[in-house]
Amino acid sequence: MTSGTEEKAGRDEEAVSRFVERFAADMTEAGMQRMASRVFAALLADDDGSMTSAELGERLRISPAAVSGAVAYLTQVSMVGREREPGSRRDRYRLHNGIWYETFANRDHVLTRWERTLREGARSLGEDTPAGARIAETAEFFEFLRNEIAGVMERWRESRKAAE
């Protein structure tokens, strides 16, 4: 049971499948769970950006339990949303609009929390100790990164507005 969009568009299903697996492997190598990477890549490659559990299972040749675990993770990290099909008891899993923007914007909260914890750790250890200095430098890096991401996100918003 597939959405049929790919067949209508005349796509090479083998090429699409290779893309999904390659991008999933890239995300897995970067630290994302393997099955979540595959589900995310499959949704990203779908024209509607949404599929049911059955469609994902069929497309990726994975079990319903594997789909469920992957979707639970992707929902938890706000990369995918769950919605009910009108008149149906089946859930659809959908990419959020502006998925990359939202994903990186949400990382700001993580970086802020890590920075705060690291600064506390550096004070606890003593910033004049080797471990304290290393932890303080790590906190400074996260502060720098957080500030840079904020600027990049603003430039992205401006770029998207100019493209409209």
N, C-alpha and C. Protein backbone atom coordinates (compact mmCIF):
# COMPACT_ATOMS: atom_id res chain seq x y z
N MET A 1 0.84 -1.17 0.00
CA MET A 1 0.00 0.00 0.00
C MET A 1 0.89 1.24 0.00
N THR A 2 1.09 1.87 -1.13
CA THR A 2 1.92 3.06 -1.22
C THR A 2 1.06 4.23 -1.65
N SER A 3 1.61 5.41 -1.49
CA SER A 3 0.83 6.60 -1.84
C SER A 3 0.61 6.73 -3.33
N GLY A 4 1.40 6.05 -4.15
CA GLY A 4 1.21 6.09 -5.58
C GLY A 4 1.81 7.31 -6.25
N THR A 5 2.22 8.28 -5.48
CA THR A 5 2.75 9.52 -6.04
C THR A 5 3.99 9.25 -6.87
N GLU A 6 4.87 8.39 -6.38
CA GLU A 6 6.11 8.14 -7.08
C GLU A 6 5.86 7.50 -8.44
N GLU A 7 4.93 6.55 -8.50
CA GLU A 7 4.65 5.90 -9.76
C GLU A 7 4.05 6.89 -10.76
N LYS A 8 3.18 7.76 -10.31
CA LYS A 8 2.57 8.75 -11.19
C LYS A 8 3.61 9.72 -11.73
N ALA A 9 4.61 10.02 -10.93
CA ALA A 9 5.63 10.98 -11.34
C ALA A 9 6.65 10.33 -12.27
N GLY A 10 6.55 9.01 -12.51
CA GLY A 10 7.47 8.32 -13.39
C GLY A 10 8.86 8.17 -12.81
N ARG A 11 8.95 8.05 -11.52
CA ARG A 11 10.24 7.93 -10.87
C ARG A 11 10.78 6.52 -10.97
N ASP A 12 12.08 6.42 -10.93
CA ASP A 12 12.77 5.14 -10.88
C ASP A 12 12.78 4.71 -9.41
N GLU A 13 11.93 3.76 -9.07
CA GLU A 13 11.78 3.34 -7.68
C GLU A 13 13.08 2.80 -7.09
N GLU A 14 13.89 2.14 -7.91
CA GLU A 14 15.18 1.64 -7.41
C GLU A 14 16.10 2.81 -7.04
N ALA A 15 16.11 3.84 -7.86
CA ALA A 15 16.94 5.02 -7.58
C ALA A 15 16.45 5.73 -6.32
N VAL A 16 15.13 5.82 -6.16
CA VAL A 16 14.57 6.43 -4.95
C VAL A 16 14.97 5.62 -3.73
N SER A 17 14.85 4.31 -3.84
CA SER A 17 15.22 3.43 -2.73
C SER A 17 16.71 3.58 -2.37
N ARG A 18 17.55 3.67 -3.38
CA ARG A 18 18.99 3.86 -3.13
C ARG A 18 19.24 5.19 -2.42
N PHE A 19 18.53 6.25 -2.85
CA PHE A 19 18.67 7.54 -2.19
C PHE A 19 18.27 7.43 -0.72
N VAL A 20 17.11 6.84 -0.46
CA VAL A 20 16.61 6.71 0.91
C VAL A 20 17.63 5.99 1.78
N GLU A 21 18.16 4.89 1.28
CA GLU A 21 19.11 4.12 2.08
C GLU A 21 20.43 4.87 2.26
N ARG A 22 20.86 5.58 1.24
CA ARG A 22 22.12 6.32 1.37
C ARG A 22 21.98 7.47 2.35
N PHE A 23 20.89 8.24 2.23
CA PHE A 23 20.71 9.36 3.16
C PHE A 23 20.51 8.84 4.58
N ALA A 24 19.79 7.74 4.72
CA ALA A 24 19.61 7.13 6.05
C ALA A 24 20.96 6.72 6.62
N ALA A 25 21.83 6.16 5.79
CA ALA A 25 23.16 5.78 6.26
C ALA A 25 23.96 7.00 6.69
N ASP A 26 23.83 8.10 5.95
CA ASP A 26 24.51 9.34 6.33
C ASP A 26 24.03 9.82 7.70
N MET A 27 22.72 9.80 7.92
CA MET A 27 22.17 10.25 9.20
C MET A 27 22.58 9.30 10.33
N THR A 28 22.61 8.00 10.03
CA THR A 28 23.02 7.02 11.05
C THR A 28 24.48 7.25 11.43
N GLU A 29 25.30 7.51 10.44
CA GLU A 29 26.71 7.78 10.71
C GLU A 29 26.89 9.03 11.57
N ALA A 30 25.95 9.97 11.43
CA ALA A 30 26.01 11.20 12.22
C ALA A 30 25.43 11.01 13.62
N GLY A 31 24.89 9.83 13.92
CA GLY A 31 24.43 9.55 15.28
C GLY A 31 22.96 9.26 15.46
N MET A 32 22.17 9.35 14.41
CA MET A 32 20.74 9.06 14.54
C MET A 32 20.52 7.55 14.52
N GLN A 33 19.48 7.10 15.19
CA GLN A 33 19.15 5.68 15.18
C GLN A 33 18.92 5.21 13.75
N ARG A 34 19.36 3.99 13.45
CA ARG A 34 19.30 3.47 12.08
C ARG A 34 17.88 3.42 11.53
N MET A 35 16.95 2.83 12.25
CA MET A 35 15.60 2.68 11.73
C MET A 35 14.90 4.04 11.63
N ALA A 36 15.15 4.92 12.60
CA ALA A 36 14.58 6.26 12.55
C ALA A 36 15.11 7.00 11.32
N SER A 37 16.38 6.82 11.01
CA SER A 37 16.97 7.43 9.82
C SER A 37 16.28 6.95 8.56
N ARG A 38 16.02 5.67 8.48
CA ARG A 38 15.37 5.11 7.29
C ARG A 38 13.94 5.64 7.15
N VAL A 39 13.20 5.68 8.25
CA VAL A 39 11.82 6.18 8.20
C VAL A 39 11.82 7.65 7.82
N PHE A 40 12.70 8.43 8.42
CA PHE A 40 12.77 9.85 8.11
C PHE A 40 13.10 10.07 6.63
N ALA A 41 14.09 9.36 6.13
CA ALA A 41 14.48 9.50 4.72
C ALA A 41 13.34 9.10 3.78
N ALA A 42 12.60 8.06 4.14
CA ALA A 42 11.46 7.64 3.31
C ALA A 42 10.39 8.72 3.29
N LEU A 43 10.12 9.34 4.43
CA LEU A 43 9.13 10.42 4.48
C LEU A 43 9.63 11.63 3.69
N LEU A 44 10.90 11.91 3.79
CA LEU A 44 11.48 13.04 3.08
C LEU A 44 11.36 12.85 1.57
N ALA A 45 11.49 11.62 1.11
CA ALA A 45 11.43 11.31 -0.33
C ALA A 45 10.01 11.16 -0.85
N ASP A 46 9.02 11.18 0.02
CA ASP A 46 7.62 11.05 -0.39
C ASP A 46 7.07 12.43 -0.74
N ASP A 47 6.39 12.56 -1.86
CA ASP A 47 5.88 13.87 -2.29
C ASP A 47 5.01 14.53 -1.23
N ASP A 48 4.16 13.75 -0.57
CA ASP A 48 3.29 14.31 0.47
C ASP A 48 4.02 14.49 1.79
N GLY A 49 5.17 13.85 1.94
CA GLY A 49 5.90 13.92 3.21
C GLY A 49 5.15 13.24 4.33
N SER A 50 4.26 12.31 3.95
CA SER A 50 3.50 11.59 4.97
C SER A 50 3.17 10.19 4.49
N MET A 51 3.14 9.26 5.45
CA MET A 51 2.80 7.87 5.15
C MET A 51 2.20 7.24 6.39
N THR A 52 1.45 6.18 6.17
CA THR A 52 0.94 5.39 7.29
C THR A 52 2.02 4.40 7.71
N SER A 53 1.79 3.77 8.83
CA SER A 53 2.71 2.75 9.30
C SER A 53 2.83 1.62 8.28
N ALA A 54 1.70 1.22 7.72
CA ALA A 54 1.71 0.14 6.72
C ALA A 54 2.50 0.55 5.48
N GLU A 55 2.33 1.78 5.03
CA GLU A 55 3.07 2.25 3.86
C GLU A 55 4.57 2.29 4.14
N LEU A 56 4.94 2.77 5.33
CA LEU A 56 6.36 2.79 5.69
C LEU A 56 6.94 1.39 5.76
N GLY A 57 6.19 0.48 6.38
CA GLY A 57 6.65 -0.90 6.49
C GLY A 57 6.85 -1.54 5.13
N GLU A 58 5.91 -1.29 4.24
CA GLU A 58 6.02 -1.86 2.88
C GLU A 58 7.17 -1.22 2.11
N ARG A 59 7.27 0.08 2.16
CA ARG A 59 8.32 0.80 1.43
C ARG A 59 9.70 0.38 1.88
N LEU A 60 9.88 0.25 3.20
CA LEU A 60 11.21 -0.05 3.75
C LEU A 60 11.43 -1.53 4.03
N ARG A 61 10.37 -2.34 3.85
CA ARG A 61 10.43 -3.78 4.14
C ARG A 61 10.86 -4.02 5.59
N ILE A 62 10.12 -3.35 6.50
CA ILE A 62 10.40 -3.50 7.93
C ILE A 62 9.11 -3.84 8.66
N SER A 63 9.25 -4.34 9.86
CA SER A 63 8.10 -4.77 10.65
C SER A 63 7.34 -3.57 11.23
N PRO A 64 6.07 -3.79 11.58
CA PRO A 64 5.31 -2.73 12.25
C PRO A 64 5.99 -2.27 13.55
N ALA A 65 6.61 -3.19 14.27
CA ALA A 65 7.31 -2.82 15.50
C ALA A 65 8.48 -1.90 15.21
N ALA A 66 9.20 -2.15 14.12
CA ALA A 66 10.33 -1.29 13.74
C ALA A 66 9.83 0.10 13.37
N VAL A 67 8.72 0.16 12.64
CA VAL A 67 8.13 1.46 12.28
C VAL A 67 7.72 2.19 13.54
N SER A 68 7.06 1.50 14.45
CA SER A 68 6.59 2.11 15.69
C SER A 68 7.72 2.70 16.50
N GLY A 69 8.80 1.96 16.66
CA GLY A 69 9.95 2.44 17.42
C GLY A 69 10.59 3.65 16.76
N ALA A 70 10.73 3.61 15.45
CA ALA A 70 11.33 4.72 14.71
C ALA A 70 10.48 5.97 14.81
N VAL A 71 9.17 5.80 14.65
CA VAL A 71 8.26 6.94 14.70
C VAL A 71 8.23 7.52 16.13
N ALA A 72 8.29 6.67 17.13
CA ALA A 72 8.32 7.17 18.51
C ALA A 72 9.53 8.08 18.72
N TYR A 73 10.68 7.65 18.22
CA TYR A 73 11.89 8.46 18.34
C TYR A 73 11.74 9.77 17.57
N LEU A 74 11.31 9.69 16.31
CA LEU A 74 11.19 10.88 15.47
C LEU A 74 10.17 11.87 16.02
N THR A 75 9.12 11.36 16.64
CA THR A 75 8.13 12.22 17.27
C THR A 75 8.73 12.90 18.50
N GLN A 76 9.47 12.14 19.27
CA GLN A 76 10.10 12.67 20.49
C GLN A 76 11.06 13.81 20.18
N VAL A 77 11.80 13.70 19.08
CA VAL A 77 12.75 14.76 18.72
C VAL A 77 12.13 15.79 17.77
N SER A 78 10.82 15.76 17.63
CA SER A 78 10.04 16.74 16.85
C SER A 78 10.41 16.81 15.38
N MET A 79 10.77 15.68 14.81
CA MET A 79 11.06 15.65 13.38
C MET A 79 9.85 15.17 12.58
N VAL A 80 8.93 14.50 13.24
CA VAL A 80 7.75 13.94 12.58
C VAL A 80 6.55 14.16 13.50
N GLY A 81 5.41 14.42 12.89
CA GLY A 81 4.17 14.55 13.64
C GLY A 81 3.23 13.41 13.29
N ARG A 82 2.30 13.16 14.17
CA ARG A 82 1.31 12.11 13.97
C ARG A 82 -0.04 12.79 13.78
N GLU A 83 -0.77 12.35 12.77
CA GLU A 83 -2.11 12.89 12.55
C GLU A 83 -3.04 11.76 12.14
N ARG A 84 -4.29 11.93 12.42
CA ARG A 84 -5.30 10.92 12.11
C ARG A 84 -5.88 11.20 10.74
N GLU A 85 -5.98 10.16 9.92
CA GLU A 85 -6.65 10.30 8.63
C GLU A 85 -8.13 10.53 8.88
N PRO A 86 -8.73 11.53 8.24
CA PRO A 86 -10.17 11.77 8.42
C PRO A 86 -10.98 10.51 8.08
N GLY A 87 -11.88 10.14 8.98
CA GLY A 87 -12.74 8.99 8.77
C GLY A 87 -12.03 7.65 8.93
N SER A 88 -10.86 7.64 9.49
CA SER A 88 -10.08 6.41 9.63
C SER A 88 -9.49 6.33 11.03
N ARG A 89 -9.14 5.12 11.41
CA ARG A 89 -8.46 4.96 12.70
C ARG A 89 -6.95 4.85 12.50
N ARG A 90 -6.51 5.01 11.25
CA ARG A 90 -5.07 4.90 10.97
C ARG A 90 -4.39 6.26 11.17
N ASP A 91 -3.21 6.20 11.74
CA ASP A 91 -2.39 7.40 11.88
C ASP A 91 -1.53 7.57 10.65
N ARG A 92 -1.28 8.83 10.30
CA ARG A 92 -0.31 9.17 9.27
C ARG A 92 0.82 9.87 9.98
N TYR A 93 2.01 9.61 9.52
CA TYR A 93 3.19 10.25 10.07
C TYR A 93 3.67 11.25 9.04
N ARG A 94 3.82 12.49 9.47
CA ARG A 94 4.09 13.58 8.54
C ARG A 94 5.30 14.37 9.00
N LEU A 95 6.13 14.75 8.01
CA LEU A 95 7.23 15.67 8.29
C LEU A 95 6.63 17.02 8.64
N HIS A 96 7.24 17.69 9.56
CA HIS A 96 6.81 19.05 9.88
C HIS A 96 7.25 19.99 8.77
N ASN A 97 6.46 21.03 8.52
CA ASN A 97 6.88 22.06 7.56
C ASN A 97 8.14 22.71 8.10
N GLY A 98 9.06 23.01 7.23
CA GLY A 98 10.31 23.63 7.67
C GLY A 98 11.09 22.73 8.60
N ILE A 99 11.11 21.42 8.29
CA ILE A 99 11.69 20.43 9.19
C ILE A 99 13.12 20.77 9.60
N TRP A 100 13.95 21.17 8.68
CA TRP A 100 15.35 21.44 9.02
C TRP A 100 15.45 22.67 9.89
N TYR A 101 14.67 23.68 9.56
CA TYR A 101 14.66 24.89 10.36
C TYR A 101 14.26 24.56 11.80
N GLU A 102 13.14 23.85 11.93
CA GLU A 102 12.65 23.51 13.26
C GLU A 102 13.63 22.64 14.03
N THR A 103 14.24 21.69 13.35
CA THR A 103 15.19 20.79 14.00
C THR A 103 16.36 21.58 14.57
N PHE A 104 16.92 22.48 13.76
CA PHE A 104 18.06 23.25 14.24
C PHE A 104 17.65 24.30 15.26
N ALA A 105 16.47 24.88 15.09
CA ALA A 105 15.99 25.85 16.08
C ALA A 105 15.80 25.18 17.44
N ASN A 106 15.31 23.94 17.44
CA ASN A 106 15.14 23.22 18.70
C ASN A 106 16.47 22.86 19.35
N ARG A 107 17.52 22.76 18.55
CA ARG A 107 18.85 22.45 19.10
C ARG A 107 19.34 23.59 19.99
N ASP A 108 18.83 24.80 19.77
CA ASP A 108 19.22 25.94 20.60
C ASP A 108 18.93 25.65 22.06
N HIS A 109 17.80 25.04 22.34
CA HIS A 109 17.44 24.71 23.73
C HIS A 109 18.43 23.70 24.31
N VAL A 110 18.80 22.74 23.50
CA VAL A 110 19.76 21.72 23.95
C VAL A 110 21.11 22.36 24.23
N LEU A 111 21.57 23.19 23.31
CA LEU A 111 22.86 23.84 23.50
C LEU A 111 22.86 24.74 24.74
N THR A 112 21.77 25.45 24.96
CA THR A 112 21.66 26.31 26.15
C THR A 112 21.74 25.47 27.42
N ARG A 113 21.04 24.37 27.44
CA ARG A 113 21.06 23.50 28.63
C ARG A 113 22.45 22.92 28.85
N TRP A 114 23.10 22.46 27.78
CA TRP A 114 24.45 21.91 27.90
C TRP A 114 25.42 22.98 28.39
N GLU A 115 25.31 24.17 27.82
CA GLU A 115 26.20 25.26 28.21
C GLU A 115 26.05 25.56 29.69
N ARG A 116 24.83 25.66 30.17
CA ARG A 116 24.56 25.95 31.58
C ARG A 116 25.17 24.86 32.48
N THR A 117 24.94 23.60 32.11
CA THR A 117 25.47 22.49 32.90
C THR A 117 26.99 22.49 32.88
N LEU A 118 27.57 22.77 31.72
CA LEU A 118 29.03 22.80 31.62
C LEU A 118 29.62 23.93 32.46
N ARG A 119 28.99 25.09 32.46
CA ARG A 119 29.50 26.21 33.27
C ARG A 119 29.44 25.85 34.76
N GLU A 120 28.36 25.21 35.18
CA GLU A 120 28.27 24.76 36.57
C GLU A 120 29.37 23.75 36.88
N GLY A 121 29.60 22.83 35.93
CA GLY A 121 30.65 21.83 36.11
C GLY A 121 32.02 22.46 36.22
N ALA A 122 32.29 23.47 35.39
CA ALA A 122 33.59 24.14 35.43
C ALA A 122 33.79 24.84 36.77
N ARG A 123 32.72 25.47 37.29
CA ARG A 123 32.82 26.11 38.61
C ARG A 123 33.05 25.07 39.70
N SER A 124 32.36 23.94 39.60
CA SER A 124 32.51 22.88 40.60
C SER A 124 33.93 22.32 40.62
N LEU A 125 34.49 22.14 39.44
CA LEU A 125 35.83 21.57 39.34
C LEU A 125 36.93 22.60 39.61
N GLY A 126 36.58 23.85 39.43
CA GLY A 126 37.57 24.92 39.53
C GLY A 126 38.11 25.20 38.15
N GLU A 127 37.84 26.40 37.64
CA GLU A 127 38.23 26.72 36.26
C GLU A 127 39.74 26.78 36.08
N ASP A 128 40.48 26.78 37.19
CA ASP A 128 41.94 26.80 37.09
C ASP A 128 42.54 25.39 37.04
N THR A 129 41.69 24.37 37.15
CA THR A 129 42.17 22.99 37.02
C THR A 129 42.12 22.59 35.55
N PRO A 130 42.91 21.62 35.14
CA PRO A 130 42.84 21.21 33.73
C PRO A 130 41.44 20.76 33.29
N ALA A 131 40.77 19.97 34.12
CA ALA A 131 39.41 19.52 33.76
C ALA A 131 38.44 20.69 33.75
N GLY A 132 38.52 21.57 34.73
CA GLY A 132 37.64 22.73 34.79
C GLY A 132 37.84 23.65 33.60
N ALA A 133 39.11 23.87 33.20
CA ALA A 133 39.40 24.72 32.04
C ALA A 133 38.86 24.09 30.76
N ARG A 134 39.01 22.77 30.65
CA ARG A 134 38.51 22.07 29.46
C ARG A 134 36.99 22.18 29.39
N ILE A 135 36.33 22.02 30.50
CA ILE A 135 34.87 22.10 30.53
C ILE A 135 34.41 23.53 30.28
N ALA A 136 35.11 24.52 30.82
CA ALA A 136 34.77 25.92 30.57
C ALA A 136 34.91 26.26 29.09
N GLU A 137 35.98 25.75 28.47
CA GLU A 137 36.17 25.99 27.03
C GLU A 137 35.05 25.34 26.22
N THR A 138 34.61 24.17 26.64
CA THR A 138 33.50 23.49 25.96
C THR A 138 32.23 24.33 26.08
N ALA A 139 31.98 24.90 27.25
CA ALA A 139 30.82 25.77 27.45
C ALA A 139 30.90 26.99 26.53
N GLU A 140 32.10 27.57 26.42
CA GLU A 140 32.29 28.72 25.53
C GLU A 140 32.02 28.33 24.07
N PHE A 141 32.45 27.14 23.70
CA PHE A 141 32.19 26.67 22.34
C PHE A 141 30.69 26.56 22.08
N PHE A 142 29.94 25.99 23.03
CA PHE A 142 28.50 25.86 22.84
C PHE A 142 27.82 27.21 22.80
N GLU A 143 28.31 28.16 23.59
CA GLU A 143 27.75 29.52 23.53
C GLU A 143 28.01 30.13 22.15
N PHE A 144 29.24 29.98 21.65
CA PHE A 144 29.59 30.48 20.32
C PHE A 144 28.70 29.82 19.26
N LEU A 145 28.58 28.51 19.33
CA LEU A 145 27.79 27.76 18.36
C LEU A 145 26.33 28.21 18.39
N ARG A 146 25.78 28.37 19.58
CA ARG A 146 24.39 28.80 19.73
C ARG A 146 24.18 30.17 19.08
N ASN A 147 25.11 31.10 19.32
CA ASN A 147 25.00 32.43 18.73
C ASN A 147 25.13 32.38 17.20
N GLU A 148 26.01 31.55 16.71
CA GLU A 148 26.18 31.41 15.26
C GLU A 148 24.93 30.79 14.62
N ILE A 149 24.37 29.80 15.25
CA ILE A 149 23.17 29.16 14.71
C ILE A 149 22.03 30.17 14.64
N ALA A 150 21.91 31.02 15.66
CA ALA A 150 20.85 32.03 15.65
C ALA A 150 21.00 32.94 14.43
N GLY A 151 22.23 33.35 14.13
CA GLY A 151 22.47 34.20 12.96
C GLY A 151 22.19 33.48 11.65
N VAL A 152 22.59 32.23 11.57
CA VAL A 152 22.35 31.43 10.38
C VAL A 152 20.84 31.25 10.17
N MET A 153 20.11 31.01 11.24
CA MET A 153 18.66 30.80 11.13
C MET A 153 17.97 32.08 10.65
N GLU A 154 18.43 33.23 11.12
CA GLU A 154 17.86 34.49 10.68
C GLU A 154 18.14 34.72 9.19
N ARG A 155 19.36 34.43 8.77
CA ARG A 155 19.69 34.57 7.35
C ARG A 155 18.87 33.61 6.50
N TRP A 156 18.60 32.41 7.02
CA TRP A 156 17.78 31.45 6.30
C TRP A 156 16.36 32.00 6.12
N ARG A 157 15.78 32.54 7.19
CA ARG A 157 14.43 33.11 7.09
C ARG A 157 14.39 34.22 6.04
N GLU A 158 15.40 35.08 6.05
CA GLU A 158 15.46 36.17 5.07
C GLU A 158 15.59 35.62 3.64
N SER A 159 16.39 34.57 3.49
CA SER A 159 16.58 33.94 2.19
C SER A 159 15.26 33.36 1.68
N ARG A 160 14.51 32.72 2.54
CA ARG A 160 13.23 32.10 2.15
C ARG A 160 12.22 33.19 1.76
N LYS A 161 12.20 34.29 2.52
CA LYS A 161 11.28 35.39 2.19
C LYS A 161 11.62 35.99 0.83
N ALA A 162 12.91 36.15 0.55
CA ALA A 162 13.33 36.72 -0.72
C ALA A 162 12.99 35.78 -1.89
N ALA A 163 12.98 34.48 -1.63
CA ALA A 163 12.69 33.51 -2.69
C ALA A 163 11.20 33.43 -3.00
N GLU A 164 10.36 33.91 -2.10
CA GLU A 164 8.89 33.79 -2.30
C GLU A 164 8.36 34.76 -3.31
